[in-house]
Amino acid sequence: MVSGKRERFEKLNPWRVRRREVQRPFHPALVMDRKGARARRPFPSREILSFEPFALFEEFFMELPGEFQEHPHRGVEMVTLVLQGHYRHLDGLGHDLALGEGWVDHVVAGRGMKHREMPARYGLTRGLQLWVGLPPGVRETEPHCRQIPPEAIPEEQGPGFVRRRIAGKKGALSLHLPVEWEEVRMEPRALLECRVPPGGRGFIYFLDGLAYREPEDEDEGRTSLKPGMFWPLEGGEGLLLRGDRTEQSRFTFIRFSPAGA
């Protein structure tokens, strides 16, 4: 999604983390691309310089004539989830695709490709995009992409919540590294724990509504999670989330789970 030269973030040596002292959670700044598209990007950023094996994560907002102009990718695979509006993907492989709300675009850049991203129609286009570094044996593969419709994304019902499994063992797609991506909708007062396995790494990014992180001991207060807030998690860490009294909420939970975890 980012225009310009990003190869330094795409040449990954698993699994370094470079982070400034960040009070969790934090609210990433909204940045403007040269062609009028906007993005809220937790990493790479001033707060988190790198968060490997993830190379980039952002929530983007576009309205015509704004776009992310043509830019190159190499050595990563990218997953885009359309949250609102209509997303258009054009690339050097000859694809010109328009995807509506709930669709997923999966691109493996491999040895290298260029593409553009823009709204397919007038009105706001909103989505999430994740870049994950490819393992060494796959980085020189031929670039390719595929698209997944909303009805092909598995859903799991729980007490007061619904999980849409975008990627992972039970997800609509499998990445080259063991990455799980869930989009979660919570009803008011629902309770759900999100935990990263030992040796892994992950994060929660809050999209809509309001929820609270329940304290781990009596001396702590509850922490509210609001749209645009990002909470990084290291191996073994987790959050116990409770929905607001009256308001539904939605967030995304993404984690890297090393083999055997």
Protein backbone atom coordinates (compact mmCIF):
# COMPACT_ATOMS: atom_id res chain seq x y z
CA MET A 1 0.00 0.00 0.00
CA VAL A 2 2.90 2.37 0.65
CA SER A 3 4.31 4.32 -2.28
CA GLY A 4 8.08 4.77 -2.57
CA LYS A 5 10.97 2.52 -1.63
CA ARG A 6 10.14 0.07 1.15
CA GLU A 7 12.61 -2.69 0.37
CA ARG A 8 14.50 -2.08 3.60
CA PHE A 9 11.36 -3.20 5.46
CA GLU A 10 10.85 -6.19 3.17
CA LYS A 11 14.31 -7.77 3.60
CA LEU A 12 13.59 -9.49 6.89
CA ASN A 13 15.84 -11.42 9.28
CA PRO A 14 13.44 -13.28 11.58
CA TRP A 15 12.37 -12.13 14.10
CA ARG A 16 13.82 -8.81 15.22
CA VAL A 17 11.75 -6.19 16.98
CA ARG A 18 12.88 -2.57 17.17
CA ARG A 19 10.57 -0.50 19.31
CA ARG A 20 10.74 2.76 21.17
CA GLU A 21 9.22 2.91 24.64
CA VAL A 22 5.50 2.78 23.89
CA GLN A 23 2.69 3.00 26.39
CA ARG A 24 0.27 0.32 25.25
CA PRO A 25 -2.11 0.71 23.61
CA PHE A 26 -1.29 3.64 21.35
CA HIS A 27 -3.12 5.53 18.65
CA PRO A 28 -1.07 5.69 15.41
CA ALA A 29 -0.98 8.99 13.56
CA LEU A 30 -2.97 9.38 10.34
CA VAL A 31 -0.56 9.93 7.44
CA MET A 32 -1.28 11.27 3.95
CA ASP A 33 0.03 9.72 0.74
CA ARG A 34 1.12 11.97 -2.12
CA LYS A 35 -2.03 11.18 -4.14
CA GLY A 36 -4.54 11.91 -1.38
CA ALA A 37 -5.03 8.50 0.22
CA ARG A 38 -4.72 8.29 4.01
CA ALA A 39 -3.49 5.55 6.33
CA ARG A 40 -3.19 4.84 10.04
CA ARG A 41 0.02 2.80 10.25
CA PRO A 42 1.14 1.31 13.60
CA PHE A 43 4.32 -0.06 12.01
CA PRO A 44 6.73 0.78 10.59
CA SER A 45 6.39 4.05 12.49
CA ARG A 46 8.13 6.22 15.06
CA GLU A 47 6.72 4.05 17.84
CA ILE A 48 7.51 0.64 16.31
CA LEU A 49 10.32 0.65 13.75
CA SER A 50 9.88 -3.01 12.86
CA PHE A 51 7.74 -5.88 14.09
CA GLU A 52 9.00 -8.96 12.27
CA PRO A 53 7.93 -11.24 10.73
CA PHE A 54 5.28 -8.62 9.93
CA ALA A 55 6.59 -5.87 7.65
CA LEU A 56 3.65 -3.43 7.68
CA PHE A 57 0.11 -3.06 8.95
CA GLU A 58 -2.29 -0.21 8.23
CA GLU A 59 -5.88 0.90 8.08
CA PHE A 60 -6.38 2.91 4.88
CA PHE A 61 -8.97 5.42 3.68
CA MET A 62 -9.40 6.46 0.04
CA GLU A 63 -11.82 8.61 -1.94
CA LEU A 64 -11.54 9.39 -5.64
CA PRO A 65 -9.38 10.88 -7.05
CA GLY A 66 -7.14 9.75 -4.16
CA GLU A 67 -5.12 6.57 -4.63
CA PHE A 68 -1.93 4.78 -3.72
CA GLN A 69 -0.02 5.32 -6.93
CA GLU A 70 2.06 2.63 -8.63
CA HIS A 71 4.77 1.23 -6.35
CA PRO A 72 6.94 -1.91 -6.20
CA HIS A 73 6.93 -4.87 -3.81
CA ARG A 74 9.40 -7.70 -3.40
CA GLY A 75 9.90 -10.50 -0.89
CA VAL A 76 6.54 -10.11 0.87
CA GLU A 77 2.97 -11.33 0.66
CA MET A 78 0.14 -8.89 1.28
CA VAL A 79 -3.40 -9.42 2.51
CA THR A 80 -6.02 -6.68 2.08
CA LEU A 81 -9.41 -6.85 3.79
CA VAL A 82 -12.04 -4.45 2.43
CA LEU A 83 -14.05 -3.00 5.33
CA GLN A 84 -16.14 -0.46 3.42
CA GLY A 85 -16.70 0.68 -0.15
CA HIS A 86 -15.06 -0.75 -3.26
CA TYR A 87 -11.34 -1.41 -3.64
CA ARG A 88 -9.56 -1.54 -7.01
CA HIS A 89 -6.27 -3.39 -7.57
CA LEU A 90 -4.25 -2.91 -10.79
CA ASP A 91 -0.87 -4.58 -11.26
CA GLY A 92 1.88 -5.34 -13.74
CA LEU A 93 0.59 -8.91 -14.11
CA GLY A 94 -2.43 -7.62 -16.02
CA HIS A 95 -5.01 -7.72 -13.23
CA ASP A 96 -7.63 -4.98 -12.90
CA LEU A 97 -9.90 -6.07 -10.05
CA ALA A 98 -12.72 -4.39 -8.12
CA LEU A 99 -13.56 -5.88 -4.72
CA GLY A 100 -16.48 -4.97 -2.47
CA GLU A 101 -16.97 -4.97 1.28
CA GLY A 102 -15.81 -8.16 2.98
CA TRP A 103 -13.57 -9.34 0.14
CA VAL A 104 -9.95 -10.32 0.67
CA ASP A 105 -7.11 -9.70 -1.80
CA HIS A 106 -4.04 -11.93 -1.34
CA VAL A 107 -0.91 -10.93 -3.26
CA VAL A 108 2.41 -12.80 -3.22
CA ALA A 109 4.98 -10.34 -4.56
CA GLY A 110 7.78 -12.92 -4.71
CA ARG A 111 10.63 -11.82 -6.96
CA GLY A 112 8.96 -8.47 -7.58
CA MET A 113 5.91 -6.70 -9.00
CA LYS A 114 4.28 -3.28 -9.21
CA HIS A 115 0.68 -2.32 -8.49
CA ARG A 116 -1.73 0.54 -7.83
CA GLU A 117 -4.64 0.75 -5.40
CA MET A 118 -7.62 3.08 -5.55
CA PRO A 119 -11.39 3.22 -4.97
CA ALA A 120 -13.45 1.43 -7.61
CA ARG A 121 -16.39 3.83 -7.09
CA TYR A 122 -17.11 7.21 -5.55
CA GLY A 123 -17.48 7.30 -1.78
CA LEU A 124 -15.18 6.18 1.01
CA THR A 125 -13.12 3.01 0.61
CA ARG A 126 -11.77 1.69 3.92
CA GLY A 127 -9.69 -1.40 4.53
CA LEU A 128 -6.85 -3.14 6.30
CA GLN A 129 -3.59 -4.28 4.76
CA LEU A 130 -0.92 -6.57 6.21
CA TRP A 131 2.52 -7.34 4.76
CA VAL A 132 4.35 -10.48 5.90
CA GLY A 133 7.92 -11.35 4.93
CA LEU A 134 8.33 -14.44 2.77
CA PRO A 135 10.69 -17.22 3.90
CA PRO A 136 14.04 -17.29 2.04
CA GLY A 137 13.07 -20.22 -0.18
CA VAL A 138 9.97 -18.44 -1.46
CA ARG A 139 11.17 -14.86 -1.98
CA GLU A 140 12.13 -15.49 -5.61
CA THR A 141 8.87 -17.16 -6.60
CA GLU A 142 6.79 -15.75 -9.44
CA PRO A 143 4.34 -13.08 -8.27
CA HIS A 144 0.68 -14.03 -8.20
CA CYS A 145 -2.60 -13.08 -6.50
CA ARG A 146 -6.05 -14.41 -5.70
CA GLN A 147 -9.29 -13.01 -4.31
CA ILE A 148 -11.61 -14.49 -1.69
CA PRO A 149 -15.32 -13.51 -1.47
CA PRO A 150 -16.96 -12.87 1.91
CA GLU A 151 -19.03 -16.06 1.78
CA ALA A 152 -15.85 -18.16 1.57
CA ILE A 153 -14.47 -16.81 4.86
CA PRO A 154 -15.21 -19.22 7.75
CA GLU A 155 -17.09 -17.85 10.74
CA GLU A 156 -17.09 -19.13 14.30
CA GLN A 157 -19.90 -18.28 16.70
CA GLY A 158 -19.13 -17.88 20.39
CA PRO A 159 -20.97 -16.56 23.45
CA GLY A 160 -21.55 -12.97 22.42
CA PHE A 161 -19.02 -12.81 19.58
CA VAL A 162 -18.38 -13.88 15.98
CA ARG A 163 -14.92 -14.61 14.58
CA ARG A 164 -14.25 -14.33 10.84
CA ARG A 165 -11.11 -16.34 10.12
CA ILE A 166 -9.25 -14.52 7.37
CA ALA A 167 -6.00 -16.51 7.52
CA GLY A 168 -4.55 -19.43 9.42
CA LYS A 169 -5.20 -23.11 10.05
CA LYS A 170 -8.98 -22.63 10.04
CA GLY A 171 -8.93 -19.54 7.82
CA ALA A 172 -9.85 -18.76 4.25
CA LEU A 173 -6.20 -18.63 3.20
CA SER A 174 -2.81 -19.88 4.39
CA LEU A 175 0.27 -17.68 4.35
CA HIS A 176 3.81 -18.96 3.92
CA LEU A 177 4.48 -18.27 7.60
CA PRO A 178 2.13 -19.47 10.39
CA VAL A 179 0.06 -16.30 10.71
CA GLU A 180 -3.50 -16.23 12.06
CA TRP A 181 -5.83 -13.32 11.27
CA GLU A 182 -9.26 -12.97 12.84
CA GLU A 183 -11.85 -10.21 12.51
CA VAL A 184 -13.95 -10.25 15.68
CA ARG A 185 -17.35 -8.69 16.37
CA MET A 186 -18.44 -8.51 20.01
CA GLU A 187 -21.89 -7.94 21.44
CA PRO A 188 -22.38 -5.65 24.45
CA ARG A 189 -20.99 -7.14 27.69
CA ALA A 190 -19.44 -10.13 25.88
CA LEU A 191 -16.13 -11.48 27.24
CA LEU A 192 -13.28 -12.83 25.07
CA GLU A 193 -9.60 -13.58 25.66
CA CYS A 194 -7.05 -13.02 22.88
CA ARG A 195 -3.63 -14.53 23.56
CA VAL A 196 -0.40 -14.95 21.59
CA PRO A 197 1.32 -18.34 22.00
CA PRO A 198 4.78 -18.54 23.62
CA GLY A 199 7.49 -17.58 21.16
CA GLY A 200 5.01 -15.78 18.94
CA ARG A 201 4.10 -12.17 18.34
CA GLY A 202 0.88 -10.39 17.49
CA PHE A 203 -1.41 -7.42 17.96
CA ILE A 204 -4.96 -6.21 18.31
CA TYR A 205 -6.19 -3.29 16.22
CA PHE A 206 -9.52 -1.78 17.19
CA LEU A 207 -11.94 -0.86 14.41
CA ASP A 208 -15.38 0.14 15.68
CA GLY A 209 -17.33 0.62 18.89
CA LEU A 210 -15.94 0.40 22.40
CA ALA A 211 -14.54 -2.38 24.60
CA TYR A 212 -12.43 -2.70 27.72
CA ARG A 213 -9.39 -4.65 28.73
CA GLU A 214 -10.13 -6.30 32.06
CA PRO A 215 -7.30 -5.82 34.60
CA GLU A 216 -5.09 -8.76 35.52
CA ASP A 217 -5.02 -7.79 39.19
CA GLU A 218 -7.07 -5.63 41.55
CA ASP A 219 -4.56 -2.76 41.53
CA GLU A 220 -5.03 -2.11 37.82
CA GLY A 221 -7.83 -0.13 36.25
CA ARG A 222 -9.68 -1.08 33.08
CA THR A 223 -8.29 0.20 29.79
CA SER A 224 -10.72 1.32 27.11
CA LEU A 225 -10.13 0.37 23.48
CA LYS A 226 -11.47 2.74 20.84
CA PRO A 227 -11.30 2.89 17.02
CA GLY A 228 -7.76 3.28 15.68
CA MET A 229 -6.04 1.92 18.80
CA PHE A 230 -3.23 -0.62 18.42
CA TRP A 231 -2.02 -3.02 21.11
CA PRO A 232 1.18 -5.05 20.38
CA LEU A 233 1.57 -8.41 22.12
CA GLU A 234 4.66 -10.56 22.66
CA GLY A 235 4.73 -14.32 23.13
CA GLY A 236 2.53 -15.50 25.98
CA GLU A 237 0.82 -12.14 26.40
CA GLY A 238 -2.93 -11.73 26.05
CA LEU A 239 -5.88 -9.45 26.67
CA LEU A 240 -9.19 -10.25 28.31
CA LEU A 241 -11.66 -8.02 26.50
CA ARG A 242 -15.18 -7.12 27.62
CA GLY A 243 -17.71 -5.43 25.39
CA ASP A 244 -19.26 -2.12 26.32
CA ARG A 245 -22.59 -2.12 28.15
CA THR A 246 -24.59 -0.91 25.17
CA GLU A 247 -22.31 -0.71 22.13
CA GLN A 248 -21.19 -3.44 19.73
CA SER A 249 -17.50 -3.51 18.85
CA ARG A 250 -15.20 -4.83 16.15
CA PHE A 251 -11.46 -5.45 16.11
CA THR A 252 -8.84 -7.50 14.30
CA PHE A 253 -6.49 -9.95 16.06
CA ILE A 254 -3.37 -11.01 14.14
CA ARG A 255 -0.64 -13.28 15.49
CA PHE A 256 2.42 -15.20 14.37
CA SER A 257 2.56 -18.67 15.89
CA PRO A 258 5.90 -20.50 15.52
CA ALA A 259 5.85 -24.18 14.60
CA GLY A 260 4.61 -26.33 17.44
CA ALA A 261 3.06 -23.44 19.41
